[in-house]
Each structure stands twice: as structure tokens, then as C-alpha cells.
Amino acid sequence: MSDRRKREMAAAFEKLGHLFLAGVPFLQAVRVAADECRDRAVANALREIHRRVSIRQRVDDVLSEFGDTFPVSVQLLWKVGQKRDLEQCCLRIASILRAETSGQP
């Protein structure tokens, strides 16, 4: 995955984390993140998450289907974080993706 895509994905997950912290409902937050995402593949995947969650499908199932867009590390962090603290999970995913693009450990 390109650094540009990782940065866009990081921005999308950071936005989700902040929206969740502000109390924005899940589907609305995902729609906002998708609309503001500049990477077409990430935006389309977020739109698909929105569509599928609205018909009661699980986010982690959608993430796994978009394996070429969402790396395994994101999928695993989501599976763990969604059950505990979704806001912090999203912010942690953003942090990890940013660290990968800056070369920091």
C-alpha cells in the first residue's frame, strides 16, 4: 500500500475517532469520513461499510473483503477495538498508519 493511501486512511480513521468521541452516530460518522476522503479506494470502501452496516452486516466482514485497501493490521485492530473502545481504536489505527509512513517505530 502506498504511503499516500496510508496517510488518507489514517486521516479517515482519525476523523472517525474524533466523530465517535463527539457522540456522532456510527453511520453518520462513516458517511462524513467517506465524503471527506480524497483516496477513491478508501472512500469507496467506507461507503460500502456504511451501506452494509445499515443492513446489519458487520464492519470486520467488510474490512476483510477489502483486504487490498485495509491491511491486515487494520482489520485485526478493528476486531479487538470494536468490542472495547471504538473511539480509541480508530485513533490508534490512525497513529499506526501515520507511523508507518513516517518511518517511526
PDB file of N, CA and C in Angstrom:
ATOM      1  N   MET A   1       0.846  -1.163   0.000  1.00  0.00           N
ATOM      2  CA  MET A   1       0.000   0.000   0.000  1.00  0.00           C
ATOM      3  C   MET A   1       0.900   1.236   0.000  1.00  0.00           C
ATOM      4  N   SER A   2       0.513   2.210  -0.791  1.00  0.00           N
ATOM      5  CA  SER A   2       1.319   3.424  -0.915  1.00  0.00           C
ATOM      6  C   SER A   2       1.225   4.268   0.363  1.00  0.00           C
ATOM      7  N   ASP A   3       2.262   5.076   0.574  1.00  0.00           N
ATOM      8  CA  ASP A   3       2.248   5.990   1.720  1.00  0.00           C
ATOM      9  C   ASP A   3       1.088   6.976   1.616  1.00  0.00           C
ATOM     10  N   ARG A   4       0.770   7.414   0.409  1.00  0.00           N
ATOM     11  CA  ARG A   4      -0.336   8.348   0.219  1.00  0.00           C
ATOM     12  C   ARG A   4      -1.646   7.719   0.690  1.00  0.00           C
ATOM     13  N   ARG A   5      -1.869   6.482   0.310  1.00  0.00           N
ATOM     14  CA  ARG A   5      -3.102   5.800   0.731  1.00  0.00           C
ATOM     15  C   ARG A   5      -3.118   5.605   2.243  1.00  0.00           C
ATOM     16  N   LYS A   6      -1.978   5.257   2.827  1.00  0.00           N
ATOM     17  CA  LYS A   6      -1.918   5.094   4.280  1.00  0.00           C
ATOM     18  C   LYS A   6      -2.231   6.409   4.982  1.00  0.00           C
ATOM     19  N   ARG A   7      -1.715   7.519   4.450  1.00  0.00           N
ATOM     20  CA  ARG A   7      -1.996   8.824   5.059  1.00  0.00           C
ATOM     21  C   ARG A   7      -3.489   9.159   4.963  1.00  0.00           C
ATOM     22  N   GLU A   8      -4.093   8.878   3.833  1.00  0.00           N
ATOM     23  CA  GLU A   8      -5.534   9.122   3.665  1.00  0.00           C
ATOM     24  C   GLU A   8      -6.353   8.230   4.588  1.00  0.00           C
ATOM     25  N   MET A   9      -5.936   6.986   4.709  1.00  0.00           N
ATOM     26  CA  MET A   9      -6.641   6.061   5.598  1.00  0.00           C
ATOM     27  C   MET A   9      -6.471   6.515   7.042  1.00  0.00           C
ATOM     28  N   ALA A  10      -5.273   6.961   7.388  1.00  0.00           N
ATOM     29  CA  ALA A  10      -5.033   7.475   8.742  1.00  0.00           C
ATOM     30  C   ALA A  10      -5.943   8.661   9.021  1.00  0.00           C
ATOM     31  N   ALA A  11      -6.055   9.569   8.059  1.00  0.00           N
ATOM     32  CA  ALA A  11      -6.926  10.745   8.237  1.00  0.00           C
ATOM     33  C   ALA A  11      -8.378  10.316   8.413  1.00  0.00           C
ATOM     34  N   ALA A  12      -8.810   9.322   7.654  1.00  0.00           N
ATOM     35  CA  ALA A  12     -10.195   8.847   7.756  1.00  0.00           C
ATOM     36  C   ALA A  12     -10.456   8.221   9.124  1.00  0.00           C
ATOM     37  N   PHE A  13      -9.535   7.393   9.615  1.00  0.00           N
ATOM     38  CA  PHE A  13      -9.729   6.769  10.921  1.00  0.00           C
ATOM     39  C   PHE A  13      -9.621   7.788  12.045  1.00  0.00           C
ATOM     40  N   GLU A  14      -8.752   8.775  11.885  1.00  0.00           N
ATOM     41  CA  GLU A  14      -8.666   9.825  12.897  1.00  0.00           C
ATOM     42  C   GLU A  14      -9.981  10.609  12.957  1.00  0.00           C
ATOM     43  N   LYS A  15     -10.514  10.929  11.796  1.00  0.00           N
ATOM     44  CA  LYS A  15     -11.802  11.632  11.740  1.00  0.00           C
ATOM     45  C   LYS A  15     -12.882  10.785  12.409  1.00  0.00           C
ATOM     46  N   LEU A  16     -12.922   9.491  12.104  1.00  0.00           N
ATOM     47  CA  LEU A  16     -13.904   8.615  12.740  1.00  0.00           C
ATOM     48  C   LEU A  16     -13.762   8.636  14.259  1.00  0.00           C
ATOM     49  N   GLY A  17     -12.534   8.521  14.737  1.00  0.00           N
ATOM     50  CA  GLY A  17     -12.305   8.525  16.177  1.00  0.00           C
ATOM     51  C   GLY A  17     -12.825   9.789  16.833  1.00  0.00           C
ATOM     52  N   HIS A  18     -12.537  10.937  16.224  1.00  0.00           N
ATOM     53  CA  HIS A  18     -12.984  12.207  16.791  1.00  0.00           C
ATOM     54  C   HIS A  18     -14.510  12.362  16.699  1.00  0.00           C
ATOM     55  N   LEU A  19     -15.080  11.905  15.606  1.00  0.00           N
ATOM     56  CA  LEU A  19     -16.537  11.969  15.481  1.00  0.00           C
ATOM     57  C   LEU A  19     -17.216  11.086  16.518  1.00  0.00           C
ATOM     58  N   PHE A  20     -16.672   9.887  16.730  1.00  0.00           N
ATOM     59  CA  PHE A  20     -17.236   8.991  17.745  1.00  0.00           C
ATOM     60  C   PHE A  20     -17.108   9.618  19.137  1.00  0.00           C
ATOM     61  N   LEU A  21     -15.946  10.227  19.418  1.00  0.00           N
ATOM     62  CA  LEU A  21     -15.748  10.891  20.712  1.00  0.00           C
ATOM     63  C   LEU A  21     -16.758  12.021  20.921  1.00  0.00           C
ATOM     64  N   ALA A  22     -17.134  12.678  19.827  1.00  0.00           N
ATOM     65  CA  ALA A  22     -18.096  13.780  19.899  1.00  0.00           C
ATOM     66  C   ALA A  22     -19.541  13.289  19.977  1.00  0.00           C
ATOM     67  N   GLY A  23     -19.719  11.967  19.900  1.00  0.00           N
ATOM     68  CA  GLY A  23     -21.062  11.418  20.021  1.00  0.00           C
ATOM     69  C   GLY A  23     -21.818  11.272  18.713  1.00  0.00           C
ATOM     70  N   VAL A  24     -21.130  11.440  17.601  1.00  0.00           N
ATOM     71  CA  VAL A  24     -21.785  11.291  16.298  1.00  0.00           C
ATOM     72  C   VAL A  24     -22.107   9.805  16.093  1.00  0.00           C
ATOM     73  N   PRO A  25     -23.313   9.476  15.682  1.00  0.00           N
ATOM     74  CA  PRO A  25     -23.679   8.071  15.444  1.00  0.00           C
ATOM     75  C   PRO A  25     -22.796   7.425  14.371  1.00  0.00           C
ATOM     76  N   PHE A  26     -22.632   6.114  14.501  1.00  0.00           N
ATOM     77  CA  PHE A  26     -21.707   5.372  13.643  1.00  0.00           C
ATOM     78  C   PHE A  26     -21.926   5.642  12.155  1.00  0.00           C
ATOM     79  N   LEU A  27     -23.124   5.422  11.666  1.00  0.00           N
ATOM     80  CA  LEU A  27     -23.363   5.560  10.227  1.00  0.00           C
ATOM     81  C   LEU A  27     -23.116   6.980   9.731  1.00  0.00           C
ATOM     82  N   GLN A  28     -23.494   7.952  10.502  1.00  0.00           N
ATOM     83  CA  GLN A  28     -23.258   9.336  10.111  1.00  0.00           C
ATOM     84  C   GLN A  28     -21.755   9.633  10.080  1.00  0.00           C
ATOM     85  N   ALA A  29     -21.025   9.145  11.061  1.00  0.00           N
ATOM     86  CA  ALA A  29     -19.578   9.360  11.107  1.00  0.00           C
ATOM     87  C   ALA A  29     -18.886   8.722   9.910  1.00  0.00           C
ATOM     88  N   VAL A  30     -19.283   7.513   9.564  1.00  0.00           N
ATOM     89  CA  VAL A  30     -18.670   6.833   8.414  1.00  0.00           C
ATOM     90  C   VAL A  30     -18.980   7.587   7.125  1.00  0.00           C
ATOM     91  N   ARG A  31     -20.185   8.095   6.996  1.00  0.00           N
ATOM     92  CA  ARG A  31     -20.549   8.872   5.796  1.00  0.00           C
ATOM     93  C   ARG A  31     -19.692  10.128   5.685  1.00  0.00           C
ATOM     94  N   VAL A  32     -19.512  10.834   6.791  1.00  0.00           N
ATOM     95  CA  VAL A  32     -18.686  12.044   6.788  1.00  0.00           C
ATOM     96  C   VAL A  32     -17.243  11.703   6.405  1.00  0.00           C
ATOM     97  N   ALA A  33     -16.697  10.665   7.010  1.00  0.00           N
ATOM     98  CA  ALA A  33     -15.315  10.265   6.710  1.00  0.00           C
ATOM     99  C   ALA A  33     -15.170   9.891   5.235  1.00  0.00           C
ATOM    100  N   ALA A  34     -16.135   9.180   4.686  1.00  0.00           N
ATOM    101  CA  ALA A  34     -16.088   8.797   3.271  1.00  0.00           C
ATOM    102  C   ALA A  34     -16.167  10.024   2.374  1.00  0.00           C
ATOM    103  N   ASP A  35     -17.054  10.948   2.702  1.00  0.00           N
ATOM    104  CA  ASP A  35     -17.225  12.142   1.876  1.00  0.00           C
ATOM    105  C   ASP A  35     -15.989  13.032   1.881  1.00  0.00           C
ATOM    106  N   GLU A  36     -15.236  13.008   2.967  1.00  0.00           N
ATOM    107  CA  GLU A  36     -14.061  13.867   3.071  1.00  0.00           C
ATOM    108  C   GLU A  36     -12.763  13.182   2.653  1.00  0.00           C
ATOM    109  N   CYS A  37     -12.824  11.895   2.364  1.00  0.00           N
ATOM    110  CA  CYS A  37     -11.627  11.136   1.984  1.00  0.00           C
ATOM    111  C   CYS A  37     -11.260  11.421   0.526  1.00  0.00           C
ATOM    112  N   ARG A  38      -9.990  11.710   0.291  1.00  0.00           N
ATOM    113  CA  ARG A  38      -9.533  12.019  -1.065  1.00  0.00           C
ATOM    114  C   ARG A  38      -9.089  10.789  -1.850  1.00  0.00           C
ATOM    115  N   ASP A  39      -8.851   9.684  -1.174  1.00  0.00           N
ATOM    116  CA  ASP A  39      -8.447   8.457  -1.859  1.00  0.00           C
ATOM    117  C   ASP A  39      -9.703   7.696  -2.265  1.00  0.00           C
ATOM    118  N   ARG A  40      -9.873   7.500  -3.546  1.00  0.00           N
ATOM    119  CA  ARG A  40     -11.097   6.882  -4.069  1.00  0.00           C
ATOM    120  C   ARG A  40     -11.343   5.486  -3.501  1.00  0.00           C
ATOM    121  N   ALA A  41     -10.309   4.665  -3.405  1.00  0.00           N
ATOM    122  CA  ALA A  41     -10.486   3.297  -2.913  1.00  0.00           C
ATOM    123  C   ALA A  41     -10.919   3.288  -1.451  1.00  0.00           C
ATOM    124  N   VAL A  42     -10.301   4.129  -0.639  1.00  0.00           N
ATOM    125  CA  VAL A  42     -10.665   4.193   0.777  1.00  0.00           C
ATOM    126  C   VAL A  42     -12.076   4.763   0.920  1.00  0.00           C
ATOM    127  N   ALA A  43     -12.390   5.824   0.177  1.00  0.00           N
ATOM    128  CA  ALA A  43     -13.729   6.417   0.229  1.00  0.00           C
ATOM    129  C   ALA A  43     -14.791   5.400  -0.180  1.00  0.00           C
ATOM    130  N   ASN A  44     -14.529   4.656  -1.249  1.00  0.00           N
ATOM    131  CA  ASN A  44     -15.494   3.642  -1.705  1.00  0.00           C
ATOM    132  C   ASN A  44     -15.666   2.540  -0.667  1.00  0.00           C
ATOM    133  N   ALA A  45     -14.576   2.140  -0.033  1.00  0.00           N
ATOM    134  CA  ALA A  45     -14.666   1.105   0.994  1.00  0.00           C
ATOM    135  C   ALA A  45     -15.474   1.614   2.186  1.00  0.00           C
ATOM    136  N   LEU A  46     -15.266   2.871   2.577  1.00  0.00           N
ATOM    137  CA  LEU A  46     -16.049   3.446   3.672  1.00  0.00           C
ATOM    138  C   LEU A  46     -17.529   3.533   3.302  1.00  0.00           C
ATOM    139  N   ARG A  47     -17.812   3.869   2.067  1.00  0.00           N
ATOM    140  CA  ARG A  47     -19.215   3.911   1.621  1.00  0.00           C
ATOM    141  C   ARG A  47     -19.844   2.517   1.664  1.00  0.00           C
ATOM    142  N   GLU A  48     -19.041   1.526   1.311  1.00  0.00           N
ATOM    143  CA  GLU A  48     -19.551   0.153   1.363  1.00  0.00           C
ATOM    144  C   GLU A  48     -19.779  -0.279   2.812  1.00  0.00           C
ATOM    145  N   ILE A  49     -18.892   0.135   3.708  1.00  0.00           N
ATOM    146  CA  ILE A  49     -19.104  -0.146   5.132  1.00  0.00           C
ATOM    147  C   ILE A  49     -20.415   0.491   5.574  1.00  0.00           C
ATOM    148  N   HIS A  50     -20.633   1.730   5.186  1.00  0.00           N
ATOM    149  CA  HIS A  50     -21.866   2.429   5.546  1.00  0.00           C
ATOM    150  C   HIS A  50     -23.086   1.652   5.031  1.00  0.00           C
ATOM    151  N   ARG A  51     -23.037   1.274   3.772  1.00  0.00           N
ATOM    152  CA  ARG A  51     -24.166   0.565   3.158  1.00  0.00           C
ATOM    153  C   ARG A  51     -24.437  -0.756   3.867  1.00  0.00           C
ATOM    154  N   ARG A  52     -23.376  -1.510   4.110  1.00  0.00           N
ATOM    155  CA  ARG A  52     -23.556  -2.849   4.655  1.00  0.00           C
ATOM    156  C   ARG A  52     -23.932  -2.828   6.135  1.00  0.00           C
ATOM    157  N   VAL A  53     -23.377  -1.894   6.892  1.00  0.00           N
ATOM    158  CA  VAL A  53     -23.751  -1.793   8.302  1.00  0.00           C
ATOM    159  C   VAL A  53     -25.212  -1.366   8.411  1.00  0.00           C
ATOM    160  N   SER A  54     -25.660  -0.531   7.489  1.00  0.00           N
ATOM    161  CA  SER A  54     -27.054  -0.091   7.531  1.00  0.00           C
ATOM    162  C   SER A  54     -28.025  -1.247   7.287  1.00  0.00           C
ATOM    163  N   ILE A  55     -27.535  -2.337   6.694  1.00  0.00           N
ATOM    164  CA  ILE A  55     -28.383  -3.533   6.528  1.00  0.00           C
ATOM    165  C   ILE A  55     -27.947  -4.643   7.495  1.00  0.00           C
ATOM    166  N   ARG A  56     -27.284  -4.214   8.570  1.00  0.00           N
ATOM    167  CA  ARG A  56     -26.948  -5.079   9.707  1.00  0.00           C
ATOM    168  C   ARG A  56     -25.824  -6.077   9.441  1.00  0.00           C
ATOM    169  N   GLN A  57     -24.883  -5.729   8.590  1.00  0.00           N
ATOM    170  CA  GLN A  57     -23.707  -6.575   8.421  1.00  0.00           C
ATOM    171  C   GLN A  57     -22.579  -6.026   9.297  1.00  0.00           C
ATOM    172  N   ARG A  58     -21.605  -6.849   9.583  1.00  0.00           N
ATOM    173  CA  ARG A  58     -20.510  -6.477  10.473  1.00  0.00           C
ATOM    174  C   ARG A  58     -19.394  -5.765   9.728  1.00  0.00           C
ATOM    175  N   VAL A  59     -18.832  -4.759  10.382  1.00  0.00           N
ATOM    176  CA  VAL A  59     -17.745  -3.986   9.792  1.00  0.00           C
ATOM    177  C   VAL A  59     -16.537  -4.871   9.495  1.00  0.00           C
ATOM    178  N   ASP A  60     -16.174  -5.744  10.417  1.00  0.00           N
ATOM    179  CA  ASP A  60     -14.976  -6.552  10.193  1.00  0.00           C
ATOM    180  C   ASP A  60     -15.136  -7.481   8.991  1.00  0.00           C
ATOM    181  N   ASP A  61     -16.351  -7.900   8.672  1.00  0.00           N
ATOM    182  CA  ASP A  61     -16.563  -8.698   7.462  1.00  0.00           C
ATOM    183  C   ASP A  61     -16.284  -7.869   6.212  1.00  0.00           C
ATOM    184  N   VAL A  62     -16.708  -6.620   6.231  1.00  0.00           N
ATOM    185  CA  VAL A  62     -16.476  -5.743   5.081  1.00  0.00           C
ATOM    186  C   VAL A  62     -14.988  -5.436   4.956  1.00  0.00           C
ATOM    187  N   LEU A  63     -14.324  -5.149   6.076  1.00  0.00           N
ATOM    188  CA  LEU A  63     -12.888  -4.847   6.031  1.00  0.00           C
ATOM    189  C   LEU A  63     -12.104  -5.997   5.414  1.00  0.00           C
ATOM    190  N   SER A  64     -12.467  -7.219   5.777  1.00  0.00           N
ATOM    191  CA  SER A  64     -11.732  -8.366   5.240  1.00  0.00           C
ATOM    192  C   SER A  64     -11.948  -8.526   3.739  1.00  0.00           C
ATOM    193  N   GLU A  65     -13.106  -8.122   3.253  1.00  0.00           N
ATOM    194  CA  GLU A  65     -13.367  -8.190   1.812  1.00  0.00           C
ATOM    195  C   GLU A  65     -12.581  -7.120   1.049  1.00  0.00           C
ATOM    196  N   PHE A  66     -12.181  -6.068   1.731  1.00  0.00           N
ATOM    197  CA  PHE A  66     -11.389  -5.006   1.126  1.00  0.00           C
ATOM    198  C   PHE A  66      -9.936  -5.127   1.570  1.00  0.00           C
ATOM    199  N   GLY A  67      -9.439  -6.354   1.621  1.00  0.00           N
ATOM    200  CA  GLY A  67      -8.086  -6.622   2.086  1.00  0.00           C
ATOM    201  C   GLY A  67      -7.002  -5.892   1.318  1.00  0.00           C
ATOM    202  N   ASP A  68      -7.255  -5.578   0.049  1.00  0.00           N
ATOM    203  CA  ASP A  68      -6.263  -4.830  -0.713  1.00  0.00           C
ATOM    204  C   ASP A  68      -6.262  -3.350  -0.327  1.00  0.00           C
ATOM    205  N   THR A  69      -7.327  -2.882   0.302  1.00  0.00           N
ATOM    206  CA  THR A  69      -7.414  -1.491   0.754  1.00  0.00           C
ATOM    207  C   THR A  69      -7.053  -1.371   2.227  1.00  0.00           C
ATOM    208  N   PHE A  70      -7.618  -2.253   3.069  1.00  0.00           N
ATOM    209  CA  PHE A  70      -7.356  -2.216   4.501  1.00  0.00           C
ATOM    210  C   PHE A  70      -6.387  -3.330   4.874  1.00  0.00           C
ATOM    211  N   PRO A  71      -5.178  -2.982   5.300  1.00  0.00           N
ATOM    212  CA  PRO A  71      -4.199  -4.011   5.646  1.00  0.00           C
ATOM    213  C   PRO A  71      -4.672  -4.885   6.812  1.00  0.00           C
ATOM    214  N   VAL A  72      -4.083  -6.041   6.931  1.00  0.00           N
ATOM    215  CA  VAL A  72      -4.452  -6.988   7.975  1.00  0.00           C
ATOM    216  C   VAL A  72      -4.321  -6.348   9.352  1.00  0.00           C
ATOM    217  N   SER A  73      -3.310  -5.508   9.545  1.00  0.00           N
ATOM    218  CA  SER A  73      -3.138  -4.858  10.854  1.00  0.00           C
ATOM    219  C   SER A  73      -4.366  -4.031  11.213  1.00  0.00           C
ATOM    220  N   VAL A  74      -4.948  -3.325  10.250  1.00  0.00           N
ATOM    221  CA  VAL A  74      -6.151  -2.530  10.493  1.00  0.00           C
ATOM    222  C   VAL A  74      -7.321  -3.458  10.824  1.00  0.00           C
ATOM    223  N   GLN A  75      -7.442  -4.532  10.080  1.00  0.00           N
ATOM    224  CA  GLN A  75      -8.537  -5.481  10.317  1.00  0.00           C
ATOM    225  C   GLN A  75      -8.459  -6.072  11.725  1.00  0.00           C
ATOM    226  N   LEU A  76      -7.258  -6.445  12.151  1.00  0.00           N
ATOM    227  CA  LEU A  76      -7.092  -7.048  13.478  1.00  0.00           C
ATOM    228  C   LEU A  76      -7.342  -6.030  14.591  1.00  0.00           C
ATOM    229  N   LEU A  77      -6.807  -4.822  14.429  1.00  0.00           N
ATOM    230  CA  LEU A  77      -7.051  -3.786  15.430  1.00  0.00           C
ATOM    231  C   LEU A  77      -8.534  -3.487  15.554  1.00  0.00           C
ATOM    232  N   TRP A  78      -9.230  -3.473  14.432  1.00  0.00           N
ATOM    233  CA  TRP A  78     -10.677  -3.215  14.472  1.00  0.00           C
ATOM    234  C   TRP A  78     -11.392  -4.307  15.253  1.00  0.00           C
ATOM    235  N   LYS A  79     -11.050  -5.565  14.960  1.00  0.00           N
ATOM    236  CA  LYS A  79     -11.728  -6.682  15.637  1.00  0.00           C
ATOM    237  C   LYS A  79     -11.569  -6.585  17.148  1.00  0.00           C
ATOM    238  N   VAL A  80     -10.392  -6.199  17.604  1.00  0.00           N
ATOM    239  CA  VAL A  80     -10.150  -6.076  19.041  1.00  0.00           C
ATOM    240  C   VAL A  80     -10.808  -4.819  19.584  1.00  0.00           C
ATOM    241  N   GLY A  81     -10.613  -3.698  18.918  1.00  0.00           N
ATOM    242  CA  GLY A  81     -11.062  -2.414  19.425  1.00  0.00           C
ATOM    243  C   GLY A  81     -12.551  -2.187  19.403  1.00  0.00           C
ATOM    244  N   GLN A  82     -13.238  -2.796  18.470  1.00  0.00           N
ATOM    245  CA  GLN A  82     -14.680  -2.545  18.365  1.00  0.00           C
ATOM    246  C   GLN A  82     -15.435  -3.029  19.594  1.00  0.00           C
ATOM    247  N   LYS A  83     -14.880  -3.978  20.294  1.00  0.00           N
ATOM    248  CA  LYS A  83     -15.559  -4.530  21.467  1.00  0.00           C
ATOM    249  C   LYS A  83     -15.239  -3.745  22.741  1.00  0.00           C
ATOM    250  N   ARG A  84     -14.197  -2.911  22.693  1.00  0.00           N
ATOM    251  CA  ARG A  84     -13.743  -2.249  23.907  1.00  0.00           C
ATOM    252  C   ARG A  84     -13.933  -0.743  23.855  1.00  0.00           C
ATOM    253  N   ASP A  85     -13.304  -0.101  22.914  1.00  0.00           N
ATOM    254  CA  ASP A  85     -13.293   1.357  22.872  1.00  0.00           C
ATOM    255  C   ASP A  85     -13.103   1.785  21.417  1.00  0.00           C
ATOM    256  N   LEU A  86     -14.198   1.896  20.712  1.00  0.00           N
ATOM    257  CA  LEU A  86     -14.153   2.160  19.277  1.00  0.00           C
ATOM    258  C   LEU A  86     -13.445   3.473  18.953  1.00  0.00           C
ATOM    259  N   GLU A  87     -13.677   4.492  19.763  1.00  0.00           N
ATOM    260  CA  GLU A  87     -13.051   5.784  19.512  1.00  0.00           C
ATOM    261  C   GLU A  87     -11.534   5.671  19.543  1.00  0.00           C
ATOM    262  N   GLN A  88     -11.026   5.078  20.622  1.00  0.00           N
ATOM    263  CA  GLN A  88      -9.580   4.942  20.767  1.00  0.00           C
ATOM    264  C   GLN A  88      -9.007   3.952  19.749  1.00  0.00           C
ATOM    265  N   CYS A  89      -9.784   2.960  19.374  1.00  0.00           N
ATOM    266  CA  CYS A  89      -9.354   2.018  18.339  1.00  0.00           C
ATOM    267  C   CYS A  89      -9.070   2.759  17.036  1.00  0.00           C
ATOM    268  N   CYS A  90      -9.990   3.617  16.639  1.00  0.00           N
ATOM    269  CA  CYS A  90      -9.819   4.373  15.390  1.00  0.00           C
ATOM    270  C   CYS A  90      -8.608   5.295  15.471  1.00  0.00           C
ATOM    271  N   LEU A  91      -8.436   5.957  16.608  1.00  0.00           N
ATOM    272  CA  LEU A  91      -7.291   6.862  16.773  1.00  0.00           C
ATOM    273  C   LEU A  91      -5.976   6.083  16.784  1.00  0.00           C
ATOM    274  N   ARG A  92      -5.992   4.892  17.355  1.00  0.00           N
ATOM    275  CA  ARG A  92      -4.776   4.049  17.370  1.00  0.00           C
ATOM    276  C   ARG A  92      -4.439   3.576  15.957  1.00  0.00           C
ATOM    277  N   ILE A  93      -5.436   3.172  15.199  1.00  0.00           N
ATOM    278  CA  ILE A  93      -5.202   2.771  13.804  1.00  0.00           C
ATOM    279  C   ILE A  93      -4.584   3.929  13.040  1.00  0.00           C
ATOM    280  N   ALA A  94      -5.124   5.136  13.216  1.00  0.00           N
ATOM    281  CA  ALA A  94      -4.586   6.323  12.541  1.00  0.00           C
ATOM    282  C   ALA A  94      -3.122   6.541  12.929  1.00  0.00           C
ATOM    283  N   SER A  95      -2.823   6.406  14.201  1.00  0.00           N
ATOM    284  CA  SER A  95      -1.466   6.604  14.695  1.00  0.00           C
ATOM    285  C   SER A  95      -0.486   5.596  14.091  1.00  0.00           C
ATOM    286  N   ILE A  96      -0.902   4.355  14.028  1.00  0.00           N
ATOM    287  CA  ILE A  96      -0.039   3.304  13.467  1.00  0.00           C
ATOM    288  C   ILE A  96       0.212   3.552  11.983  1.00  0.00           C
ATOM    289  N   LEU A  97      -0.837   3.894  11.252  1.00  0.00           N
ATOM    290  CA  LEU A  97      -0.672   4.146   9.818  1.00  0.00           C
ATOM    291  C   LEU A  97       0.239   5.361   9.581  1.00  0.00           C
ATOM    292  N   ARG A  98       0.105   6.386  10.397  1.00  0.00           N
ATOM    293  CA  ARG A  98       0.978   7.555  10.250  1.00  0.00           C
ATOM    294  C   ARG A  98       2.426   7.198  10.564  1.00  0.00           C
ATOM    295  N   ALA A  99       2.634   6.379  11.593  1.00  0.00           N
ATOM    296  CA  ALA A  99       3.995   5.967  11.940  1.00  0.00           C
ATOM    297  C   ALA A  99       4.625   5.163  10.807  1.00  0.00           C
ATOM    298  N   GLU A 100       3.825   4.353  10.140  1.00  0.00           N
ATOM    299  CA  GLU A 100       4.348   3.563   9.019  1.00  0.00           C
ATOM    300  C   GLU A 100       4.793   4.463   7.860  1.00  0.00           C
ATOM    301  N   THR A 101       4.135   5.601   7.674  1.00  0.00           N
ATOM    302  CA  THR A 101       4.507   6.477   6.566  1.00  0.00           C
ATOM    303  C   THR A 101       5.660   7.402   6.930  1.00  0.00           C
ATOM    304  N   SER A 102       5.899   7.597   8.225  1.00  0.00           N
ATOM    305  CA  SER A 102       6.989   8.484   8.619  1.00  0.00           C
ATOM    306  C   SER A 102       8.258   7.717   8.972  1.00  0.00           C
ATOM    307  N   GLY A 103       8.174   6.405   9.003  1.00  0.00           N
ATOM    308  CA  GLY A 103       9.345   5.594   9.311  1.00  0.00           C
ATOM    309  C   GLY A 103       9.647   5.504  10.788  1.00  0.00           C
ATOM    310  N   GLN A 104       8.736   5.961  11.632  1.00  0.00           N
ATOM    311  CA  GLN A 104       8.940   5.864  13.079  1.00  0.00           C
ATOM    312  C   GLN A 104       8.522   4.478  13.564  1.00  0.00           C
ATOM    313  N   PRO A 105       9.186   3.971  14.591  1.00  0.00           N
ATOM    314  CA  PRO A 105       8.792   2.662  15.122  1.00  0.00           C
ATOM    315  C   PRO A 105       7.485   2.703  15.860  1.00  0.00           C
TER     316      PRO A 105
END
